[in-house]
């Protein structure tokens, strides 16, 4: 249900109490009953498509941001349908709750099982992408968690309209509507209250720009599952198939420039750069891409603007590509280690030994071989949807789907054993 915004701290406290109660109900529901809630939510999203698009038009009219930001904010009939389809795909996935993760018997006859269990109450703070509310709500519900959503001010009307449709669907099933709640305020004090809600919220997941993630990580008294910037690289090795390199790089950079899996830097081997780089630049130029290049690349393509060191640290989220010529796979890895964000990095090569070396020595959450970095997406991984991309080293890494939204508990099964 929507939250009262008269006092953000009081509103959050009340919402967390309702969410905790809802999480206990979810724990008692069967997978079939939780799935029924998801399917009803998907139906209502489709039924409310026109209302959702009208709400999105209000957000777009109020915004003044650039093209990449507007792309993330914009909803279309196809994107609303994709939200509904994504929820149905989540419903069709195996139940992550109660699965046996390990099972062993001790010498004294005790049988011990490690089983997956819901985390409890999740706080989701997100910016610009209104579809995140649908993805997060469906994944949390399927994994037995209640969620409190706080969307950004730029997507306020869109997020509220999506939430209204989802909860109207839940209300027709056994799933409590308080399992998915959303803030009705854009007051930043509500975010502060979420971050301080130790004991009320079990996990905070921020999804948005660098400043949002940094604030959450700096201020939270609640455990945080976060991602850094999506500063992704594609390395074209000397034994890359040129046609494949052209096709993959064009997709990795230009399919959607505003997503975190978009390639931001091209690393190309010096042994093939003179012949291949002008072609790659020409392909991307025709698609509207601009460039920043190091001196070695500009010696081959003098028309390219010079890159600064800061450019290689930049997540463009726009039709801009940084370019550096490197000498071999280890220099490519060293560049990624220095400038990357441990999100997603790819190698294009026909040499399996080199590819395995690259993947084994890459510190990123996702490594790819002969594939576009834009495949780093929960849906593409078969997760149905994702709640974000985790780049930390605790609990979850890469796309966060159903399994990553569970924790573990143990069952100890005995026949009257006592400890000596």
Protein backbone atom coordinates (compact mmCIF):
# COMPACT_ATOMS: atom_id res chain seq x y z
CA UNK A 1 0.00 0.00 0.00
CA UNK A 2 1.14 3.63 -0.43
CA UNK A 3 2.80 5.24 2.55
CA UNK A 4 1.73 8.37 4.42
CA UNK A 5 4.24 11.14 3.76
CA UNK A 6 3.34 13.56 6.59
CA UNK A 7 6.39 12.46 8.60
CA UNK A 8 8.92 10.36 6.68
CA UNK A 9 10.43 8.69 9.75
CA UNK A 10 7.03 7.75 11.20
CA UNK A 11 5.83 6.61 7.78
CA UNK A 12 8.86 4.37 7.35
CA UNK A 13 8.47 2.87 10.82
CA UNK A 14 4.81 2.04 10.12
CA UNK A 15 5.62 0.63 6.70
CA UNK A 16 8.36 -1.56 8.09
CA UNK A 17 5.97 -2.99 10.67
CA UNK A 18 3.42 -3.82 7.99
CA UNK A 19 6.15 -5.28 5.78
CA UNK A 20 7.38 -7.52 8.61
CA UNK A 21 3.85 -8.81 9.16
CA UNK A 22 3.44 -9.37 5.42
CA UNK A 23 6.73 -11.27 5.25
CA UNK A 24 5.43 -13.69 7.88
CA UNK A 25 2.31 -14.29 5.79
CA UNK A 26 4.45 -14.84 2.69
CA UNK A 27 6.46 -17.43 4.59
CA UNK A 28 3.27 -19.45 5.14
CA UNK A 29 2.04 -19.23 1.56
CA UNK A 30 2.78 -21.95 -0.93
CA UNK A 31 4.73 -21.25 -4.09
CA UNK A 32 1.47 -21.63 -6.03
CA UNK A 33 -0.19 -18.95 -3.91
CA UNK A 34 2.73 -16.55 -4.33
CA UNK A 35 2.74 -17.21 -8.07
CA UNK A 36 -0.99 -16.43 -8.22
CA UNK A 37 -0.22 -12.99 -6.80
CA UNK A 38 2.42 -12.41 -9.45
CA UNK A 39 0.17 -13.46 -12.31
CA UNK A 40 -2.62 -11.21 -11.05
CA UNK A 41 -0.16 -8.30 -10.84
CA UNK A 42 0.92 -8.91 -14.45
CA UNK A 43 -2.70 -8.90 -15.62
CA UNK A 44 -3.37 -5.56 -13.91
CA UNK A 45 -0.23 -4.03 -15.39
CA UNK A 46 -1.49 -4.86 -18.87
CA UNK A 47 -4.97 -3.60 -18.05
CA UNK A 48 -3.54 -0.31 -16.75
CA UNK A 49 -1.09 0.24 -19.61
CA UNK A 50 -2.77 3.46 -20.78
CA UNK A 51 -2.79 4.92 -17.25
CA UNK A 52 0.85 3.99 -16.71
CA UNK A 53 1.89 5.63 -19.98
CA UNK A 54 -0.07 8.77 -19.10
CA UNK A 55 1.70 8.94 -15.74
CA UNK A 56 5.02 8.46 -17.49
CA UNK A 57 4.21 11.35 -19.82
CA UNK A 58 3.88 13.60 -16.76
CA UNK A 59 7.34 12.57 -15.58
CA UNK A 60 8.85 13.09 -19.02
CA UNK A 61 7.24 16.52 -19.33
CA UNK A 62 8.75 17.59 -16.02
CA UNK A 63 12.25 16.34 -16.84
CA UNK A 64 15.09 18.29 -18.41
CA UNK A 65 17.81 15.62 -18.46
CA UNK A 66 19.74 14.38 -21.48
CA UNK A 67 18.86 11.68 -23.98
CA UNK A 68 20.39 8.75 -22.06
CA UNK A 69 18.53 9.65 -18.88
CA UNK A 70 15.25 10.10 -20.76
CA UNK A 71 15.72 6.70 -22.37
CA UNK A 72 15.92 5.10 -18.92
CA UNK A 73 12.85 7.03 -17.78
CA UNK A 74 10.69 6.50 -20.87
CA UNK A 75 7.98 3.85 -20.93
CA UNK A 76 6.36 2.59 -24.12
CA UNK A 77 3.61 0.02 -24.70
CA UNK A 78 6.36 -2.50 -25.44
CA UNK A 79 8.16 -1.71 -22.17
CA UNK A 80 4.95 -2.02 -20.14
CA UNK A 81 4.33 -5.37 -21.83
CA UNK A 82 7.92 -6.35 -21.02
CA UNK A 83 7.27 -5.57 -17.35
CA UNK A 84 4.19 -7.80 -17.32
CA UNK A 85 5.99 -10.56 -19.20
CA UNK A 86 8.93 -10.29 -16.81
CA UNK A 87 6.64 -10.83 -13.83
CA UNK A 88 5.12 -13.89 -15.52
CA UNK A 89 8.59 -15.25 -16.22
CA UNK A 90 9.49 -14.83 -12.55
CA UNK A 91 6.32 -16.72 -11.60
CA UNK A 92 7.34 -19.58 -13.91
CA UNK A 93 10.77 -19.99 -12.30
CA UNK A 94 11.43 -22.69 -9.68
CA UNK A 95 10.62 -21.71 -6.10
CA UNK A 96 13.87 -20.50 -4.48
CA UNK A 97 12.52 -20.85 -0.93
CA UNK A 98 13.09 -24.09 0.95
CA UNK A 99 15.46 -25.59 -1.60
CA UNK A 100 18.09 -27.85 -0.06
CA UNK A 101 21.50 -26.27 -0.63
CA UNK A 102 23.47 -29.00 1.15
CA UNK A 103 22.65 -32.22 2.97
CA UNK A 104 25.06 -34.34 5.03
CA UNK A 105 25.14 -36.78 7.93
CA UNK A 106 27.56 -36.57 10.84
CA UNK A 107 29.27 -39.62 12.40
CA UNK A 108 26.85 -39.43 15.33
CA UNK A 109 23.92 -39.90 12.96
CA UNK A 110 22.72 -36.26 12.94
CA UNK A 111 21.50 -35.23 9.51
CA UNK A 112 22.12 -31.57 8.73
CA UNK A 113 20.50 -29.65 5.90
CA UNK A 114 21.27 -26.15 4.71
CA UNK A 115 18.12 -24.67 3.18
CA UNK A 116 17.30 -21.40 1.42
CA UNK A 117 15.09 -18.96 3.33
CA UNK A 118 13.75 -15.45 2.67
CA UNK A 119 15.83 -12.51 3.89
CA UNK A 120 12.74 -10.77 5.32
CA UNK A 121 12.13 -7.08 4.60
CA UNK A 122 14.03 -5.43 1.76
CA UNK A 123 14.33 -1.71 1.10
CA UNK A 124 14.75 -0.82 -2.58
CA UNK A 125 15.93 2.71 -3.46
CA UNK A 126 16.05 3.39 -7.18
CA UNK A 127 16.29 6.23 -9.67
CA UNK A 128 14.89 7.01 -13.11
CA UNK A 129 13.91 3.51 -14.30
CA UNK A 130 10.24 3.10 -13.32
CA UNK A 131 10.23 -0.57 -14.34
CA UNK A 132 12.57 -1.34 -11.43
CA UNK A 133 9.59 -1.27 -9.07
CA UNK A 134 7.90 -4.09 -10.99
CA UNK A 135 11.09 -6.14 -11.23
CA UNK A 136 11.98 -5.67 -7.57
CA UNK A 137 8.45 -6.33 -6.36
CA UNK A 138 8.10 -9.55 -8.31
CA UNK A 139 11.51 -10.92 -7.34
CA UNK A 140 11.03 -10.09 -3.68
CA UNK A 141 7.54 -11.60 -3.56
CA UNK A 142 8.61 -14.80 -5.35
CA UNK A 143 11.51 -15.22 -2.90
CA UNK A 144 9.21 -14.69 0.09
CA UNK A 145 10.41 -11.19 0.98
CA UNK A 146 8.39 -8.05 1.60
CA UNK A 147 9.75 -4.89 -0.03
CA UNK A 148 9.51 -1.16 0.57
CA UNK A 149 10.12 0.77 -2.66
CA UNK A 150 11.39 4.31 -2.87
CA UNK A 151 11.62 5.54 -6.46
CA UNK A 152 13.25 8.75 -7.61
CA UNK A 153 11.44 12.06 -7.94
CA UNK A 154 11.98 11.99 -11.70
CA UNK A 155 9.86 8.81 -12.03
CA UNK A 156 7.41 9.59 -9.23
CA UNK A 157 4.14 9.39 -11.21
CA UNK A 158 5.23 6.38 -13.26
CA UNK A 159 6.35 4.38 -10.22
CA UNK A 160 3.15 5.15 -8.33
CA UNK A 161 0.99 4.07 -11.27
CA UNK A 162 2.91 0.80 -11.69
CA UNK A 163 2.62 0.11 -7.97
CA UNK A 164 -1.13 0.79 -7.96
CA UNK A 165 -1.66 -1.77 -10.72
CA UNK A 166 0.46 -4.39 -9.00
CA UNK A 167 -1.24 -4.08 -5.61
CA UNK A 168 -4.68 -4.14 -7.20
CA UNK A 169 -3.72 -7.51 -8.59
CA UNK A 170 -2.37 -8.74 -5.26
CA UNK A 171 -5.61 -7.77 -3.55
CA UNK A 172 -7.45 -10.47 -5.52
CA UNK A 173 -5.17 -13.20 -4.12
CA UNK A 174 -3.87 -14.47 -0.79
CA UNK A 175 -0.75 -12.33 -1.06
CA UNK A 176 -0.94 -9.37 1.36
CA UNK A 177 -0.86 -6.00 -0.39
CA UNK A 178 1.64 -4.82 2.24
CA UNK A 179 4.16 -7.22 0.73
CA UNK A 180 4.93 -4.47 -1.81
CA UNK A 181 4.77 -0.90 -0.51
CA UNK A 182 5.94 2.37 -2.06
CA UNK A 183 6.75 5.77 -0.62
CA UNK A 184 4.41 8.54 -1.69
CA UNK A 185 6.96 11.23 -0.88
CA UNK A 186 10.06 12.46 -2.65
CA UNK A 187 11.41 13.83 0.62
CA UNK A 188 15.03 12.70 1.03
CA UNK A 189 14.29 12.24 4.73
CA UNK A 190 12.43 9.06 3.82
CA UNK A 191 15.63 7.64 2.35
CA UNK A 192 17.49 8.67 5.53
CA UNK A 193 14.87 6.83 7.59
CA UNK A 194 15.29 3.70 5.46
CA UNK A 195 19.06 3.79 5.90
CA UNK A 196 18.69 4.11 9.67
CA UNK A 197 16.10 1.33 10.01
CA UNK A 198 18.34 -1.32 11.55
CA UNK A 199 16.19 -4.15 12.87
CA UNK A 200 13.23 -3.06 10.73
CA UNK A 201 14.71 -3.45 7.24
CA UNK A 202 17.02 -6.43 6.71
CA UNK A 203 18.72 -5.38 3.47
CA UNK A 204 18.96 -2.17 1.45
CA UNK A 205 19.47 -2.37 -2.32
CA UNK A 206 20.25 0.93 -4.10
CA UNK A 207 19.95 1.07 -7.87
CA UNK A 208 20.90 4.31 -9.50
CA UNK A 209 23.75 6.72 -10.07
CA UNK A 210 27.10 6.85 -8.35
CA UNK A 211 26.05 9.56 -5.89
CA UNK A 212 23.04 7.54 -4.70
CA UNK A 213 25.07 4.37 -4.17
CA UNK A 214 27.83 6.26 -2.37
CA UNK A 215 25.34 7.95 -0.07
CA UNK A 216 23.68 4.65 0.80
CA UNK A 217 26.99 2.94 1.48
CA UNK A 218 28.21 5.85 3.62
CA UNK A 219 25.08 6.33 5.72
CA UNK A 220 23.37 2.95 6.00
CA UNK A 221 23.05 1.19 9.34
CA UNK A 222 21.38 -1.65 7.44
CA UNK A 223 23.34 -4.18 5.33
CA UNK A 224 23.67 -2.97 1.72
CA UNK A 225 23.77 -4.94 -1.53
CA UNK A 226 25.08 -2.44 -4.05
CA UNK A 227 26.84 -2.03 -7.34
CA UNK A 228 29.49 0.40 -8.47
CA UNK A 229 29.43 2.13 -11.82
CA UNK A 230 29.04 0.05 -14.95
CA UNK A 231 32.41 0.98 -16.39
CA UNK A 232 32.55 -1.94 -18.81
CA UNK A 233 35.32 -2.79 -21.29
CA UNK A 234 35.49 -4.76 -24.50
CA UNK A 235 39.00 -5.98 -25.40
CA UNK A 236 39.55 -6.92 -29.06
CA UNK A 237 42.47 -9.35 -29.06
CA UNK A 238 44.85 -9.81 -32.01
CA UNK A 239 43.11 -13.08 -32.91
CA UNK A 240 39.62 -11.64 -32.93
CA UNK A 241 37.38 -12.36 -35.90
CA UNK A 242 37.00 -8.87 -37.45
CA UNK A 243 33.37 -9.34 -38.47
CA UNK A 244 32.49 -10.58 -35.00
CA UNK A 245 34.36 -7.71 -33.37
CA UNK A 246 32.43 -5.17 -35.45
CA UNK A 247 29.07 -6.74 -34.69
CA UNK A 248 29.65 -7.28 -30.98
CA UNK A 249 31.21 -3.88 -30.28
CA UNK A 250 28.42 -2.02 -32.07
CA UNK A 251 25.86 -3.81 -29.91
CA UNK A 252 27.88 -3.51 -26.70
CA UNK A 253 28.21 0.25 -27.08
CA UNK A 254 25.16 1.43 -28.99
CA UNK A 255 22.23 -0.95 -28.37
CA UNK A 256 21.27 1.13 -25.33
CA UNK A 257 23.92 3.58 -24.20
CA UNK A 258 22.27 4.38 -20.87
CA UNK A 259 22.35 0.90 -19.32
CA UNK A 260 25.04 -0.18 -16.86
CA UNK A 261 26.12 -3.05 -19.12
CA UNK A 262 27.03 -0.78 -22.03
CA UNK A 263 30.69 -0.88 -23.03
CA UNK A 264 32.38 2.41 -22.15
CA UNK A 265 35.95 1.62 -23.22
CA UNK A 266 37.34 -0.23 -26.23
CA UNK A 267 40.75 -1.86 -25.73
CA UNK A 268 42.23 -3.05 -29.02
CA UNK A 269 45.45 -4.95 -29.56
CA UNK A 270 48.25 -3.02 -31.24
CA UNK A 271 48.89 -5.87 -33.70
CA UNK A 272 45.51 -5.40 -35.40
CA UNK A 273 44.66 -1.81 -34.55
CA UNK A 274 46.03 -0.22 -37.74
CA UNK A 275 43.79 -2.35 -39.95
CA UNK A 276 40.71 -2.79 -37.73
CA UNK A 277 40.38 0.38 -35.64
CA UNK A 278 39.36 2.69 -38.54
CA UNK A 279 36.61 0.24 -39.46
CA UNK A 280 35.32 0.03 -35.86
CA UNK A 281 35.35 3.82 -35.56
CA UNK A 282 33.54 4.14 -38.87
CA UNK A 283 30.84 1.65 -37.83
CA UNK A 284 30.19 3.43 -34.54
CA UNK A 285 30.34 6.91 -36.11
CA UNK A 286 27.51 5.93 -38.45
CA UNK A 287 25.49 4.98 -35.34
CA UNK A 288 26.10 8.40 -33.80
CA UNK A 289 28.95 7.58 -31.43
CA UNK A 290 31.62 10.06 -30.36
CA UNK A 291 35.08 9.12 -29.09
CA UNK A 292 37.97 9.84 -26.75
CA UNK A 293 41.22 8.12 -27.74
CA UNK A 294 44.76 7.73 -26.46
CA UNK A 295 47.79 8.91 -28.50
CA UNK A 296 48.42 5.53 -30.11
CA UNK A 297 44.83 5.33 -31.36
CA UNK A 298 44.97 8.95 -32.62
CA UNK A 299 48.11 8.11 -34.57
CA UNK A 300 45.93 5.72 -36.58
CA UNK A 301 42.75 7.85 -36.58
CA UNK A 302 43.92 11.47 -36.24
CA UNK A 303 40.36 12.80 -36.26
CA UNK A 304 39.62 11.27 -32.86
CA UNK A 305 39.56 13.67 -29.89
CA UNK A 306 42.31 13.09 -27.34
CA UNK A 307 41.39 11.20 -24.18
CA UNK A 308 42.37 12.35 -20.72
CA UNK A 309 43.06 9.99 -17.86
CA UNK A 310 39.70 11.05 -16.39
CA UNK A 311 37.93 9.88 -19.55
CA UNK A 312 39.02 6.31 -18.89
CA UNK A 313 37.51 6.60 -15.39
CA UNK A 314 34.18 7.82 -16.81
CA UNK A 315 30.98 5.82 -17.12
CA UNK A 316 29.57 7.75 -20.07
CA UNK A 317 26.03 6.34 -20.16
CA UNK A 318 25.91 8.09 -23.51
CA UNK A 319 27.03 7.62 -27.12
CA UNK A 320 30.70 8.19 -26.26
CA UNK A 321 33.43 5.55 -26.33
CA UNK A 322 36.91 5.75 -24.83
CA UNK A 323 39.59 3.96 -26.89
CA UNK A 324 43.03 2.69 -25.91
CA UNK A 325 45.49 0.56 -27.84
CA UNK A 326 47.13 -2.11 -25.68
CA UNK A 327 49.94 -4.60 -26.18
CA UNK A 328 48.55 -7.99 -25.27
CA UNK A 329 46.06 -9.49 -22.88
CA UNK A 330 47.98 -8.66 -19.69
CA UNK A 331 48.10 -4.97 -20.54
CA UNK A 332 44.35 -5.10 -21.21
CA UNK A 333 43.81 -6.74 -17.81
CA UNK A 334 46.01 -4.13 -16.13
CA UNK A 335 43.96 -1.33 -17.69
CA UNK A 336 40.71 -2.90 -16.54
CA UNK A 337 42.08 -3.38 -13.02
CA UNK A 338 43.07 0.30 -12.89
CA UNK A 339 40.04 1.92 -14.48
CA UNK A 340 37.18 -0.60 -14.30
CA UNK A 341 34.40 -0.97 -11.75
CA UNK A 342 34.36 -4.81 -11.59
CA UNK A 343 31.00 -4.90 -13.35
CA UNK A 344 31.27 -6.59 -16.77
CA UNK A 345 34.24 -6.92 -19.13
CA UNK A 346 34.59 -8.87 -22.36
CA UNK A 347 37.23 -10.29 -24.67
CA UNK A 348 36.79 -10.90 -28.39
CA UNK A 349 39.17 -13.61 -29.62
CA UNK A 350 39.34 -16.95 -31.41
CA UNK A 351 42.19 -18.04 -29.12
CA UNK A 352 40.66 -20.12 -26.33
CA UNK A 353 43.84 -20.14 -24.23
CA UNK A 354 43.97 -16.34 -24.25
CA UNK A 355 40.26 -16.11 -23.49
CA UNK A 356 40.62 -18.48 -20.52
CA UNK A 357 43.60 -16.47 -19.26
CA UNK A 358 41.60 -13.25 -19.52
CA UNK A 359 38.57 -14.68 -17.72
CA UNK A 360 40.64 -16.35 -14.99
CA UNK A 361 42.54 -13.15 -14.17
CA UNK A 362 39.62 -10.76 -14.41
CA UNK A 363 38.31 -9.45 -11.09
CA UNK A 364 34.91 -8.42 -12.42
CA UNK A 365 31.55 -9.82 -11.35
CA UNK A 366 30.90 -10.89 -14.96
CA UNK A 367 33.44 -11.85 -17.60
CA UNK A 368 32.41 -12.48 -21.21
CA UNK A 369 34.03 -14.14 -24.21
CA UNK A 370 32.83 -13.26 -27.70
CA UNK A 371 29.62 -11.66 -26.47
CA UNK A 372 28.20 -8.18 -25.96
CA UNK A 373 28.57 -6.74 -22.46
CA UNK A 374 24.89 -5.77 -22.70
CA UNK A 375 24.02 -9.41 -21.98
CA UNK A 376 24.78 -8.66 -18.32
CA UNK A 377 21.12 -8.65 -17.38
CA UNK A 378 19.05 -10.87 -15.12
CA UNK A 379 16.55 -11.66 -17.85
CA UNK A 380 19.31 -12.69 -20.24
CA UNK A 381 20.80 -14.92 -17.54
CA UNK A 382 17.48 -16.73 -17.21
CA UNK A 383 16.59 -15.08 -13.89
CA UNK A 384 13.30 -13.73 -15.28
CA UNK A 385 14.28 -10.27 -14.09
CA UNK A 386 16.88 -8.71 -11.85
CA UNK A 387 16.89 -6.37 -8.92
CA UNK A 388 20.29 -4.98 -9.87
CA UNK A 389 23.90 -5.90 -10.61
CA UNK A 390 26.02 -6.52 -7.51
CA UNK A 391 29.74 -5.71 -7.78
CA UNK A 392 30.67 -6.23 -4.15
CA UNK A 393 32.34 -9.39 -2.88
CA UNK A 394 29.90 -10.44 -0.17
CA UNK A 395 26.71 -12.54 -0.59
CA UNK A 396 26.01 -11.92 -4.29
CA UNK A 397 27.85 -10.81 -7.43
CA UNK A 398 26.52 -10.06 -10.91
CA UNK A 399 22.79 -9.98 -11.71
CA UNK A 400 20.74 -10.35 -8.53
CA UNK A 401 17.82 -12.68 -9.05
CA UNK A 402 15.76 -15.01 -6.90
CA UNK A 403 18.54 -17.12 -5.41
CA UNK A 404 20.49 -14.02 -4.40
CA UNK A 405 17.42 -12.72 -2.53
CA UNK A 406 17.49 -15.65 -0.15
CA UNK A 407 19.67 -16.37 2.83
CA UNK A 408 20.20 -19.74 4.54
CA UNK A 409 19.20 -21.61 7.65
CA UNK A 410 19.95 -25.07 8.97
CA UNK A 411 17.80 -28.03 9.91
CA UNK A 412 19.28 -30.65 12.24
CA UNK A 413 17.45 -33.99 12.13
CA UNK A 414 18.20 -36.49 14.89
CA UNK A 415 16.98 -39.64 16.62
CA UNK A 416 17.46 -38.58 20.22
CA UNK A 417 21.18 -37.78 20.14
CA UNK A 418 22.65 -35.89 23.11
CA UNK A 419 26.00 -34.13 23.12
CA UNK A 420 28.69 -35.75 25.30
